[in-house]
Amino acid sequence: MSTKPFVEAAVAVLCRDDGQVLLGQRPEGKPWAGWWEFPGGKIEEGETPFHALQRELHEELGVEAEVAYPWVTRTFDYPERTVKLRFFTVHQWRGEPHGRENQQLSWQDLASIDVGPLLPANAPILDALRLPSIYAITNMQEMGRESFFAGLRQSLEKGLRLVQVREKHLTPAELEAFASEVIAICRPYGARVLLNGTPEIAQRIGADGVHFSSANLAALPACPEGLLCAASCHNVEELRRAAELGFDFVLLSPVMTTLSHPQAQPLGWETLASMIAEFSLPVYALGGMKPECLIDAWTHGAHGIAMQRAIWK
């Protein structure tokens, strides 16, 4: 049993409208001085994580969060202590951030971080933040080929950057050909494509990742290397399994009534929030989602929403 101190901390990811996030350099006199991190600090006894977040933002940066959402929770073992980091994304704040503890601050583009070194716990957080808030699922079977590809191009023009190819009615050869076409259309936009299929096919056609069903997740011995890995989850056990394997993100469904599974009992937003309150991976809410559901998803701790129908309209 570890004898290292255990600390819980609230951590703020300040997100500007241009997509940049704020990092701070730990000042001299603090452990890990000179290393860069997201603002935040220890949750004191009797504080809620959100109250600790507000206090730390005031003490470190002189700002107050006006719109903040719970996000992922990750535990990290440093040599001197174990830290549970409760991350919040902060989208609006009062005041201009400035280093009140003599720390240097820097707004950073997630695509090209140019400060360092970063505290070890923050590297996977940057990968998670690079995931967009919308995850689209192909629906060619219902829409027809021509309508689907028109919808795909239109959505890419509007900013779609993450797509799952899921067409269970296709043969393996047909799926490979269809997915290759989707990838070719998405590439010029910088959109990433995951294949709901095997890692072998995903790698062969140059997909960015693979999306596993819950059944395949249960049978998977290890997370395939070199691919973005996601999974469909419906309960706490499946969420836990995805985290144990080191997946990049998950879908959780059905949150609301959905045409795909009309007999399934929807989770609802409150149940989703309770299921992912301590979860370490970004979660996309799926099931009955429309673009206007995004704020509800953020409010209840999800990274974003996934859509199979509304996204193509």
C-alpha atoms as a PDB file:
ATOM      1  CA  MET A   1       0.000   0.000   0.000  1.00  0.00           C
ATOM      2  CA  SER A   2       1.351   3.401  -1.017  1.00  0.00           C
ATOM      3  CA  THR A   3       2.434   5.775   1.746  1.00  0.00           C
ATOM      4  CA  LYS A   4       2.688   8.770  -0.575  1.00  0.00           C
ATOM      5  CA  PRO A   5       0.428  11.755   0.183  1.00  0.00           C
ATOM      6  CA  PHE A   6      -2.818  11.849  -1.791  1.00  0.00           C
ATOM      7  CA  VAL A   7      -4.073  15.218  -3.038  1.00  0.00           C
ATOM      8  CA  GLU A   8      -7.188  16.233  -4.958  1.00  0.00           C
ATOM      9  CA  ALA A   9      -6.934  19.296  -7.171  1.00  0.00           C
ATOM     10  CA  ALA A  10      -9.241  21.386  -9.324  1.00  0.00           C
ATOM     11  CA  VAL A  11      -7.728  22.301 -12.678  1.00  0.00           C
ATOM     12  CA  ALA A  12      -8.936  24.905 -15.182  1.00  0.00           C
ATOM     13  CA  VAL A  13      -8.655  24.696 -18.948  1.00  0.00           C
ATOM     14  CA  LEU A  14      -9.353  28.275 -20.031  1.00  0.00           C
ATOM     15  CA  CYS A  15     -10.574  28.075 -23.623  1.00  0.00           C
ATOM     16  CA  ARG A  16     -10.575  31.136 -25.872  1.00  0.00           C
ATOM     17  CA  ASP A  17     -12.920  31.463 -28.847  1.00  0.00           C
ATOM     18  CA  ASP A  18      -9.950  31.002 -31.191  1.00  0.00           C
ATOM     19  CA  GLY A  19      -9.281  27.553 -29.698  1.00  0.00           C
ATOM     20  CA  GLN A  20      -6.215  28.506 -27.673  1.00  0.00           C
ATOM     21  CA  VAL A  21      -5.803  27.397 -24.054  1.00  0.00           C
ATOM     22  CA  LEU A  22      -3.892  28.991 -21.183  1.00  0.00           C
ATOM     23  CA  LEU A  23      -0.798  27.382 -19.657  1.00  0.00           C
ATOM     24  CA  GLY A  24       1.274  28.665 -16.748  1.00  0.00           C
ATOM     25  CA  GLN A  25       4.892  28.028 -15.758  1.00  0.00           C
ATOM     26  CA  ARG A  26       5.457  26.960 -12.174  1.00  0.00           C
ATOM     27  CA  PRO A  27       7.523  29.680 -10.432  1.00  0.00           C
ATOM     28  CA  GLU A  28      10.744  29.289  -8.490  1.00  0.00           C
ATOM     29  CA  GLY A  29      10.246  27.937  -4.998  1.00  0.00           C
ATOM     30  CA  LYS A  30       7.505  25.467  -5.971  1.00  0.00           C
ATOM     31  CA  PRO A  31       8.000  21.767  -6.761  1.00  0.00           C
ATOM     32  CA  TRP A  32       8.615  21.198 -10.461  1.00  0.00           C
ATOM     33  CA  ALA A  33       9.609  24.859 -10.916  1.00  0.00           C
ATOM     34  CA  GLY A  34       9.915  25.809 -14.579  1.00  0.00           C
ATOM     35  CA  TRP A  35       7.469  23.170 -15.774  1.00  0.00           C
ATOM     36  CA  TRP A  36       4.263  24.209 -17.551  1.00  0.00           C
ATOM     37  CA  GLU A  37       0.752  23.228 -16.480  1.00  0.00           C
ATOM     38  CA  PHE A  38      -2.898  24.205 -16.503  1.00  0.00           C
ATOM     39  CA  PRO A  39      -3.888  26.598 -13.700  1.00  0.00           C
ATOM     40  CA  GLY A  40      -5.338  25.053 -10.565  1.00  0.00           C
ATOM     41  CA  GLY A  41      -4.574  23.739  -7.133  1.00  0.00           C
ATOM     42  CA  LYS A  42      -5.501  21.668  -4.113  1.00  0.00           C
ATOM     43  CA  ILE A  43      -9.124  21.230  -3.081  1.00  0.00           C
ATOM     44  CA  GLU A  44      -9.227  22.246   0.570  1.00  0.00           C
ATOM     45  CA  GLU A  45     -11.260  20.418   3.186  1.00  0.00           C
ATOM     46  CA  GLY A  46     -14.914  21.449   2.980  1.00  0.00           C
ATOM     47  CA  GLU A  47     -14.588  22.810  -0.569  1.00  0.00           C
ATOM     48  CA  THR A  48     -16.405  21.503  -3.610  1.00  0.00           C
ATOM     49  CA  PRO A  49     -14.240  21.104  -6.709  1.00  0.00           C
ATOM     50  CA  PHE A  50     -15.968  24.083  -8.328  1.00  0.00           C
ATOM     51  CA  HIS A  51     -15.400  26.332  -5.308  1.00  0.00           C
ATOM     52  CA  ALA A  52     -11.741  25.292  -5.291  1.00  0.00           C
ATOM     53  CA  LEU A  53     -11.568  26.102  -8.989  1.00  0.00           C
ATOM     54  CA  GLN A  54     -12.906  29.614  -8.400  1.00  0.00           C
ATOM     55  CA  ARG A  55     -10.532  30.227  -5.498  1.00  0.00           C
ATOM     56  CA  GLU A  56      -7.503  29.032  -7.447  1.00  0.00           C
ATOM     57  CA  LEU A  57      -8.427  31.102 -10.493  1.00  0.00           C
ATOM     58  CA  HIS A  58      -8.669  34.198  -8.302  1.00  0.00           C
ATOM     59  CA  GLU A  59      -5.439  33.494  -6.426  1.00  0.00           C
ATOM     60  CA  GLU A  60      -3.375  32.503  -9.479  1.00  0.00           C
ATOM     61  CA  LEU A  61      -4.843  34.561 -12.311  1.00  0.00           C
ATOM     62  CA  GLY A  62      -7.111  37.224 -10.843  1.00  0.00           C
ATOM     63  CA  VAL A  63     -10.163  36.014 -12.774  1.00  0.00           C
ATOM     64  CA  GLU A  64     -13.557  34.507 -11.950  1.00  0.00           C
ATOM     65  CA  ALA A  65     -15.130  31.709 -13.997  1.00  0.00           C
ATOM     66  CA  GLU A  66     -18.535  32.632 -15.393  1.00  0.00           C
ATOM     67  CA  VAL A  67     -19.133  29.565 -17.604  1.00  0.00           C
ATOM     68  CA  ALA A  68     -17.311  26.387 -16.546  1.00  0.00           C
ATOM     69  CA  TYR A  69     -18.121  22.727 -17.145  1.00  0.00           C
ATOM     70  CA  PRO A  70     -16.829  19.581 -15.392  1.00  0.00           C
ATOM     71  CA  TRP A  71     -14.717  17.476 -17.710  1.00  0.00           C
ATOM     72  CA  VAL A  72     -12.397  14.488 -17.095  1.00  0.00           C
ATOM     73  CA  THR A  73     -10.875  13.287 -13.820  1.00  0.00           C
ATOM     74  CA  ARG A  74      -7.427  11.714 -13.948  1.00  0.00           C
ATOM     75  CA  THR A  75      -5.179  10.309 -11.223  1.00  0.00           C
ATOM     76  CA  PHE A  76      -1.423  10.631 -11.654  1.00  0.00           C
ATOM     77  CA  ASP A  77       1.440   9.270  -9.565  1.00  0.00           C
ATOM     78  CA  TYR A  78       4.295  11.738  -9.130  1.00  0.00           C
ATOM     79  CA  PRO A  79       7.402  10.557  -7.246  1.00  0.00           C
ATOM     80  CA  GLU A  80       6.455  12.635  -4.210  1.00  0.00           C
ATOM     81  CA  ARG A  81       2.645  12.250  -4.199  1.00  0.00           C
ATOM     82  CA  THR A  82      -0.458  10.931  -5.943  1.00  0.00           C
ATOM     83  CA  VAL A  83      -2.746  13.580  -7.392  1.00  0.00           C
ATOM     84  CA  LYS A  84      -6.367  13.294  -8.493  1.00  0.00           C
ATOM     85  CA  LEU A  85      -6.952  16.077 -11.009  1.00  0.00           C
ATOM     86  CA  ARG A  86     -10.528  17.239 -11.556  1.00  0.00           C
ATOM     87  CA  PHE A  87     -10.521  19.181 -14.800  1.00  0.00           C
ATOM     88  CA  PHE A  88     -12.987  21.875 -15.788  1.00  0.00           C
ATOM     89  CA  THR A  89     -13.254  23.601 -19.138  1.00  0.00           C
ATOM     90  CA  VAL A  90     -13.770  27.338 -18.621  1.00  0.00           C
ATOM     91  CA  HIS A  91     -15.357  29.131 -21.564  1.00  0.00           C
ATOM     92  CA  GLN A  92     -16.108  32.552 -20.078  1.00  0.00           C
ATOM     93  CA  TRP A  93     -14.469  34.438 -17.235  1.00  0.00           C
ATOM     94  CA  ARG A  94     -14.431  37.888 -15.691  1.00  0.00           C
ATOM     95  CA  GLY A  95     -11.118  39.735 -15.725  1.00  0.00           C
ATOM     96  CA  GLU A  96      -7.901  39.412 -17.718  1.00  0.00           C
ATOM     97  CA  PRO A  97      -5.649  36.500 -16.654  1.00  0.00           C
ATOM     98  CA  HIS A  98      -2.319  37.623 -15.223  1.00  0.00           C
ATOM     99  CA  GLY A  99       0.300  35.819 -13.135  1.00  0.00           C
ATOM    100  CA  ARG A 100      -0.396  36.767  -9.519  1.00  0.00           C
ATOM    101  CA  GLU A 101       2.240  34.294  -8.237  1.00  0.00           C
ATOM    102  CA  ASN A 102       5.063  35.534 -10.479  1.00  0.00           C
ATOM    103  CA  GLN A 103       4.374  32.758 -12.947  1.00  0.00           C
ATOM    104  CA  GLN A 104       4.702  33.157 -16.695  1.00  0.00           C
ATOM    105  CA  LEU A 105       1.518  32.640 -18.736  1.00  0.00           C
ATOM    106  CA  SER A 106       1.121  31.657 -22.356  1.00  0.00           C
ATOM    107  CA  TRP A 107      -1.896  31.165 -24.635  1.00  0.00           C
ATOM    108  CA  GLN A 108      -1.206  28.078 -26.707  1.00  0.00           C
ATOM    109  CA  ASP A 109      -2.605  26.603 -29.900  1.00  0.00           C
ATOM    110  CA  LEU A 110      -3.469  22.966 -29.189  1.00  0.00           C
ATOM    111  CA  ALA A 111      -2.095  21.939 -32.573  1.00  0.00           C
ATOM    112  CA  SER A 112       1.368  23.363 -31.870  1.00  0.00           C
ATOM    113  CA  ILE A 113       2.319  23.715 -28.201  1.00  0.00           C
ATOM    114  CA  ASP A 114       5.624  25.622 -28.122  1.00  0.00           C
ATOM    115  CA  VAL A 115       6.329  25.842 -24.376  1.00  0.00           C
ATOM    116  CA  GLY A 116       7.873  23.176 -22.200  1.00  0.00           C
ATOM    117  CA  PRO A 117       8.539  21.026 -20.446  1.00  0.00           C
ATOM    118  CA  LEU A 118       4.945  20.121 -19.576  1.00  0.00           C
ATOM    119  CA  LEU A 119       4.080  18.420 -16.308  1.00  0.00           C
ATOM    120  CA  PRO A 120       3.707  14.698 -17.113  1.00  0.00           C
ATOM    121  CA  ALA A 121       0.048  14.596 -16.079  1.00  0.00           C
ATOM    122  CA  ASN A 122      -0.889  17.180 -18.704  1.00  0.00           C
ATOM    123  CA  ALA A 123       0.345  15.447 -21.865  1.00  0.00           C
ATOM    124  CA  PRO A 124      -2.700  13.119 -22.252  1.00  0.00           C
ATOM    125  CA  ILE A 125      -4.968  16.040 -21.398  1.00  0.00           C
ATOM    126  CA  LEU A 126      -3.712  17.960 -24.432  1.00  0.00           C
ATOM    127  CA  ASP A 127      -4.483  14.947 -26.652  1.00  0.00           C
ATOM    128  CA  ALA A 128      -8.013  14.814 -25.246  1.00  0.00           C
ATOM    129  CA  LEU A 129      -8.533  18.545 -25.755  1.00  0.00           C
ATOM    130  CA  ARG A 130      -7.662  18.152 -29.428  1.00  0.00           C
ATOM    131  CA  LEU A 131     -10.793  16.057 -29.902  1.00  0.00           C
ATOM    132  CA  PRO A 132     -13.611  18.159 -31.368  1.00  0.00           C
ATOM    133  CA  SER A 133     -16.948  18.431 -29.568  1.00  0.00           C
ATOM    134  CA  ILE A 134     -18.930  16.794 -32.401  1.00  0.00           C
ATOM    135  CA  TYR A 135     -18.478  13.152 -33.478  1.00  0.00           C
ATOM    136  CA  ALA A 136     -20.434  12.196 -36.600  1.00  0.00           C
ATOM    137  CA  ILE A 137     -21.505   8.657 -37.500  1.00  0.00           C
ATOM    138  CA  THR A 138     -22.138   7.774 -41.133  1.00  0.00           C
ATOM    139  CA  ASN A 139     -25.708   6.919 -42.160  1.00  0.00           C
ATOM    140  CA  MET A 140     -25.464   5.978 -45.788  1.00  0.00           C
ATOM    141  CA  GLN A 141     -27.830   3.010 -45.381  1.00  0.00           C
ATOM    142  CA  GLU A 142     -30.771   5.289 -44.552  1.00  0.00           C
ATOM    143  CA  MET A 143     -29.802   8.335 -46.614  1.00  0.00           C
ATOM    144  CA  GLY A 144     -28.570   6.720 -49.790  1.00  0.00           C
ATOM    145  CA  ARG A 145     -25.113   7.177 -51.221  1.00  0.00           C
ATOM    146  CA  GLU A 146     -25.614  10.485 -53.048  1.00  0.00           C
ATOM    147  CA  SER A 147     -27.417  12.224 -50.167  1.00  0.00           C
ATOM    148  CA  PHE A 148     -24.916  10.999 -47.607  1.00  0.00           C
ATOM    149  CA  PHE A 149     -21.851  12.254 -49.464  1.00  0.00           C
ATOM    150  CA  ALA A 150     -23.557  15.607 -50.068  1.00  0.00           C
ATOM    151  CA  GLY A 151     -24.254  15.825 -46.332  1.00  0.00           C
ATOM    152  CA  LEU A 152     -20.678  14.841 -45.502  1.00  0.00           C
ATOM    153  CA  ARG A 153     -19.202  17.572 -47.690  1.00  0.00           C
ATOM    154  CA  GLN A 154     -21.590  20.160 -46.292  1.00  0.00           C
ATOM    155  CA  SER A 155     -20.774  19.195 -42.689  1.00  0.00           C
ATOM    156  CA  LEU A 156     -17.045  19.314 -43.377  1.00  0.00           C
ATOM    157  CA  GLU A 157     -17.434  22.814 -44.792  1.00  0.00           C
ATOM    158  CA  LYS A 158     -19.185  23.788 -41.540  1.00  0.00           C
ATOM    159  CA  GLY A 159     -16.326  22.459 -39.394  1.00  0.00           C
ATOM    160  CA  LEU A 160     -16.905  18.739 -38.809  1.00  0.00           C
ATOM    161  CA  ARG A 161     -13.552  17.151 -37.911  1.00  0.00           C
ATOM    162  CA  LEU A 162     -14.301  13.671 -36.482  1.00  0.00           C
ATOM    163  CA  VAL A 163     -16.195  10.915 -38.313  1.00  0.00           C
ATOM    164  CA  GLN A 164     -16.985   7.279 -37.555  1.00  0.00           C
ATOM    165  CA  VAL A 165     -17.643   5.013 -40.546  1.00  0.00           C
ATOM    166  CA  ARG A 166     -20.361   2.640 -39.395  1.00  0.00           C
ATOM    167  CA  GLU A 167     -22.322   0.757 -42.050  1.00  0.00           C
ATOM    168  CA  LYS A 168     -23.224  -2.693 -40.718  1.00  0.00           C
ATOM    169  CA  HIS A 169     -25.115  -3.672 -43.884  1.00  0.00           C
ATOM    170  CA  LEU A 170     -21.984  -3.591 -46.054  1.00  0.00           C
ATOM    171  CA  THR A 171     -19.747  -6.568 -46.751  1.00  0.00           C
ATOM    172  CA  PRO A 172     -16.117  -6.223 -45.586  1.00  0.00           C
ATOM    173  CA  ALA A 173     -15.028  -5.372 -49.140  1.00  0.00           C
ATOM    174  CA  GLU A 174     -17.835  -2.832 -49.580  1.00  0.00           C
ATOM    175  CA  LEU A 175     -17.084  -1.271 -46.183  1.00  0.00           C
ATOM    176  CA  GLU A 176     -13.417  -0.930 -47.074  1.00  0.00           C
ATOM    177  CA  ALA A 177     -14.250   0.812 -50.360  1.00  0.00           C
ATOM    178  CA  PHE A 178     -16.829   3.113 -48.755  1.00  0.00           C
ATOM    179  CA  ALA A 179     -14.528   4.020 -45.856  1.00  0.00           C
ATOM    180  CA  SER A 180     -11.678   4.751 -48.264  1.00  0.00           C
ATOM    181  CA  GLU A 181     -13.913   7.211 -50.093  1.00  0.00           C
ATOM    182  CA  VAL A 182     -14.937   8.892 -46.838  1.00  0.00           C
ATOM    183  CA  ILE A 183     -11.276   9.222 -45.848  1.00  0.00           C
ATOM    184  CA  ALA A 184     -10.364  10.755 -49.206  1.00  0.00           C
ATOM    185  CA  ILE A 185     -13.097  13.388 -48.818  1.00  0.00           C
ATOM    186  CA  CYS A 186     -12.193  14.160 -45.189  1.00  0.00           C
ATOM    187  CA  ARG A 187      -8.423  14.429 -45.649  1.00  0.00           C
ATOM    188  CA  PRO A 188      -8.287  17.923 -47.210  1.00  0.00           C
ATOM    189  CA  TYR A 189     -10.263  19.276 -44.241  1.00  0.00           C
ATOM    190  CA  GLY A 190      -7.991  17.729 -41.629  1.00  0.00           C
ATOM    191  CA  ALA A 191     -10.916  15.645 -40.360  1.00  0.00           C
ATOM    192  CA  ARG A 192     -10.058  12.359 -38.672  1.00  0.00           C
ATOM    193  CA  VAL A 193     -11.887   9.150 -39.584  1.00  0.00           C
ATOM    194  CA  LEU A 194     -12.406   6.095 -37.386  1.00  0.00           C
ATOM    195  CA  LEU A 195     -13.572   2.772 -38.817  1.00  0.00           C
ATOM    196  CA  ASN A 196     -16.170   0.710 -36.996  1.00  0.00           C
ATOM    197  CA  GLY A 197     -14.426  -2.488 -38.001  1.00  0.00           C
ATOM    198  CA  THR A 198     -11.141  -4.250 -37.476  1.00  0.00           C
ATOM    199  CA  PRO A 199      -7.807  -2.562 -36.722  1.00  0.00           C
ATOM    200  CA  GLU A 200      -6.275  -4.432 -39.660  1.00  0.00           C
ATOM    201  CA  ILE A 201      -8.671  -2.859 -42.169  1.00  0.00           C
ATOM    202  CA  ALA A 202      -8.383   0.546 -40.491  1.00  0.00           C
ATOM    203  CA  GLN A 203      -4.609   0.463 -40.882  1.00  0.00           C
ATOM    204  CA  ARG A 204      -4.754  -0.849 -44.440  1.00  0.00           C
ATOM    205  CA  ILE A 205      -6.993   1.962 -45.710  1.00  0.00           C
ATOM    206  CA  GLY A 206      -5.216   4.698 -43.763  1.00  0.00           C
ATOM    207  CA  ALA A 207      -7.961   5.450 -41.256  1.00  0.00           C
ATOM    208  CA  ASP A 208      -6.960   7.530 -38.242  1.00  0.00           C
ATOM    209  CA  GLY A 209      -8.506   5.105 -35.797  1.00  0.00           C
ATOM    210  CA  VAL A 210     -10.852   2.278 -35.019  1.00  0.00           C
ATOM    211  CA  HIS A 211     -14.170   2.306 -33.165  1.00  0.00           C
ATOM    212  CA  PHE A 212     -15.064  -0.849 -31.202  1.00  0.00           C
ATOM    213  CA  SER A 213     -18.544  -2.082 -30.348  1.00  0.00           C
ATOM    214  CA  SER A 214     -19.178  -2.914 -26.697  1.00  0.00           C
ATOM    215  CA  ALA A 215     -18.984  -6.639 -27.520  1.00  0.00           C
ATOM    216  CA  ASN A 216     -15.606  -6.242 -29.217  1.00  0.00           C
ATOM    217  CA  LEU A 217     -14.405  -4.053 -26.364  1.00  0.00           C
ATOM    218  CA  ALA A 218     -15.098  -6.833 -23.852  1.00  0.00           C
ATOM    219  CA  ALA A 219     -13.073  -9.334 -25.889  1.00  0.00           C
ATOM    220  CA  LEU A 220     -10.169  -7.033 -26.720  1.00  0.00           C
ATOM    221  CA  PRO A 221      -6.918  -8.079 -24.984  1.00  0.00           C
ATOM    222  CA  ALA A 222      -5.092  -4.781 -25.601  1.00  0.00           C
ATOM    223  CA  CYS A 223      -5.531  -1.426 -27.274  1.00  0.00           C
ATOM    224  CA  PRO A 224      -4.047  -1.520 -30.804  1.00  0.00           C
ATOM    225  CA  GLU A 225      -1.067   0.768 -31.245  1.00  0.00           C
ATOM    226  CA  GLY A 226      -0.783   3.562 -33.746  1.00  0.00           C
ATOM    227  CA  LEU A 227      -4.522   4.209 -34.002  1.00  0.00           C
ATOM    228  CA  LEU A 228      -7.008   6.516 -32.327  1.00  0.00           C
ATOM    229  CA  CYS A 229      -9.167   4.105 -30.315  1.00  0.00           C
ATOM    230  CA  ALA A 230     -12.788   4.605 -29.280  1.00  0.00           C
ATOM    231  CA  ALA A 231     -15.541   2.350 -27.976  1.00  0.00           C
ATOM    232  CA  SER A 232     -19.308   2.264 -27.578  1.00  0.00           C
ATOM    233  CA  CYS A 233     -20.305   1.914 -23.923  1.00  0.00           C
ATOM    234  CA  HIS A 234     -23.649   1.477 -22.182  1.00  0.00           C
ATOM    235  CA  ASN A 235     -22.747   0.866 -18.538  1.00  0.00           C
ATOM    236  CA  VAL A 236     -20.082   1.477 -15.907  1.00  0.00           C
ATOM    237  CA  GLU A 237     -18.332  -1.845 -16.541  1.00  0.00           C
ATOM    238  CA  GLU A 238     -17.772  -1.015 -20.195  1.00  0.00           C
ATOM    239  CA  LEU A 239     -16.534   2.468 -19.313  1.00  0.00           C
ATOM    240  CA  ARG A 240     -14.087   0.934 -16.858  1.00  0.00           C
ATOM    241  CA  ARG A 241     -12.836  -1.533 -19.460  1.00  0.00           C
ATOM    242  CA  ALA A 242     -12.155   1.221 -22.003  1.00  0.00           C
ATOM    243  CA  ALA A 243     -10.196   3.191 -19.405  1.00  0.00           C
ATOM    244  CA  GLU A 244      -8.183   0.124 -18.377  1.00  0.00           C
ATOM    245  CA  LEU A 245      -7.181  -0.487 -22.008  1.00  0.00           C
ATOM    246  CA  GLY A 246      -6.118   3.128 -22.440  1.00  0.00           C
ATOM    247  CA  PHE A 247      -8.651   4.155 -25.071  1.00  0.00           C
ATOM    248  CA  ASP A 248      -8.709   7.730 -26.350  1.00  0.00           C
ATOM    249  CA  PHE A 249     -12.440   8.337 -25.872  1.00  0.00           C
ATOM    250  CA  VAL A 250     -15.820   6.614 -25.621  1.00  0.00           C
ATOM    251  CA  LEU A 251     -19.443   6.961 -26.608  1.00  0.00           C
ATOM    252  CA  LEU A 252     -22.079   6.522 -23.898  1.00  0.00           C
ATOM    253  CA  SER A 253     -25.613   5.674 -24.993  1.00  0.00           C
ATOM    254  CA  PRO A 254     -28.500   5.911 -25.237  1.00  0.00           C
ATOM    255  CA  VAL A 255     -28.816   9.222 -23.433  1.00  0.00           C
ATOM    256  CA  MET A 256     -32.213  10.021 -24.937  1.00  0.00           C
ATOM    257  CA  THR A 257     -34.748   8.061 -26.965  1.00  0.00           C
ATOM    258  CA  THR A 258     -33.258   7.139 -30.325  1.00  0.00           C
ATOM    259  CA  LEU A 259     -34.611   5.782 -33.606  1.00  0.00           C
ATOM    260  CA  SER A 260     -31.741   3.283 -33.812  1.00  0.00           C
ATOM    261  CA  HIS A 261     -32.802   1.499 -30.596  1.00  0.00           C
ATOM    262  CA  PRO A 262     -36.380   2.599 -29.820  1.00  0.00           C
ATOM    263  CA  GLN A 263     -36.880  -0.079 -27.144  1.00  0.00           C
ATOM    264  CA  ALA A 264     -33.756   0.849 -25.165  1.00  0.00           C
ATOM    265  CA  GLN A 265     -34.290   2.656 -21.874  1.00  0.00           C
ATOM    266  CA  PRO A 266     -32.595   6.064 -22.158  1.00  0.00           C
ATOM    267  CA  LEU A 267     -30.087   6.987 -19.469  1.00  0.00           C
ATOM    268  CA  GLY A 268     -31.010  10.659 -19.205  1.00  0.00           C
ATOM    269  CA  TRP A 269     -28.559  13.450 -18.468  1.00  0.00           C
ATOM    270  CA  GLU A 270     -28.419  12.993 -14.695  1.00  0.00           C
ATOM    271  CA  THR A 271     -27.531   9.305 -14.949  1.00  0.00           C
ATOM    272  CA  LEU A 272     -24.890  10.072 -17.537  1.00  0.00           C
ATOM    273  CA  ALA A 273     -23.398  12.679 -15.199  1.00  0.00           C
ATOM    274  CA  SER A 274     -23.249  10.235 -12.297  1.00  0.00           C
ATOM    275  CA  MET A 275     -21.664   7.522 -14.459  1.00  0.00           C
ATOM    276  CA  ILE A 276     -18.827   9.734 -15.710  1.00  0.00           C
ATOM    277  CA  ALA A 277     -18.261  11.942 -12.651  1.00  0.00           C
ATOM    278  CA  GLU A 278     -14.948  10.183 -11.880  1.00  0.00           C
ATOM    279  CA  PHE A 279     -14.153   9.047 -15.412  1.00  0.00           C
ATOM    280  CA  SER A 280     -10.754   9.628 -16.990  1.00  0.00           C
ATOM    281  CA  LEU A 281     -11.608   9.603 -20.717  1.00  0.00           C
ATOM    282  CA  PRO A 282     -13.525  12.094 -22.861  1.00  0.00           C
ATOM    283  CA  VAL A 283     -17.132  10.982 -23.306  1.00  0.00           C
ATOM    284  CA  TYR A 284     -19.466  11.689 -26.213  1.00  0.00           C
ATOM    285  CA  ALA A 285     -23.185  11.469 -25.460  1.00  0.00           C
ATOM    286  CA  LEU A 286     -25.092   9.455 -28.065  1.00  0.00           C
ATOM    287  CA  GLY A 287     -28.773   8.780 -28.598  1.00  0.00           C
ATOM    288  CA  GLY A 288     -31.328  11.349 -29.702  1.00  0.00           C
ATOM    289  CA  MET A 289     -28.664  14.044 -29.945  1.00  0.00           C
ATOM    290  CA  LYS A 290     -29.085  17.281 -31.891  1.00  0.00           C
ATOM    291  CA  PRO A 291     -26.613  20.170 -32.135  1.00  0.00           C
ATOM    292  CA  GLU A 292     -28.537  22.115 -29.489  1.00  0.00           C
ATOM    293  CA  CYS A 293     -27.825  19.300 -26.984  1.00  0.00           C
ATOM    294  CA  LEU A 294     -24.134  20.241 -26.787  1.00  0.00           C
ATOM    295  CA  ILE A 295     -24.516  22.605 -23.816  1.00  0.00           C
ATOM    296  CA  ASP A 296     -26.445  19.919 -21.898  1.00  0.00           C
ATOM    297  CA  ALA A 297     -23.627  17.477 -22.634  1.00  0.00           C
ATOM    298  CA  TRP A 298     -20.946  19.889 -21.366  1.00  0.00           C
ATOM    299  CA  THR A 299     -22.999  20.756 -18.296  1.00  0.00           C
ATOM    300  CA  HIS A 300     -23.181  17.082 -17.323  1.00  0.00           C
ATOM    301  CA  GLY A 301     -19.493  16.335 -17.812  1.00  0.00           C
ATOM    302  CA  ALA A 302     -19.370  15.032 -21.384  1.00  0.00           C
ATOM    303  CA  HIS A 303     -16.749  16.136 -23.895  1.00  0.00           C
ATOM    304  CA  GLY A 304     -19.325  16.458 -26.650  1.00  0.00           C
ATOM    305  CA  ILE A 305     -22.105  14.757 -28.568  1.00  0.00           C
ATOM    306  CA  ALA A 306     -22.239  12.085 -31.280  1.00  0.00           C
ATOM    307  CA  MET A 307     -24.892  12.130 -33.983  1.00  0.00           C
ATOM    308  CA  GLN A 308     -25.907   9.702 -36.724  1.00  0.00           C
ATOM    309  CA  ARG A 309     -28.860  11.570 -38.196  1.00  0.00           C
ATOM    310  CA  ALA A 310     -29.133  15.213 -37.107  1.00  0.00           C
ATOM    311  CA  ILE A 311     -25.556  15.999 -38.152  1.00  0.00           C
ATOM    312  CA  TRP A 312     -26.312  15.310 -41.828  1.00  0.00           C
ATOM    313  CA  LYS A 313     -29.446  17.469 -42.055  1.00  0.00           C
END
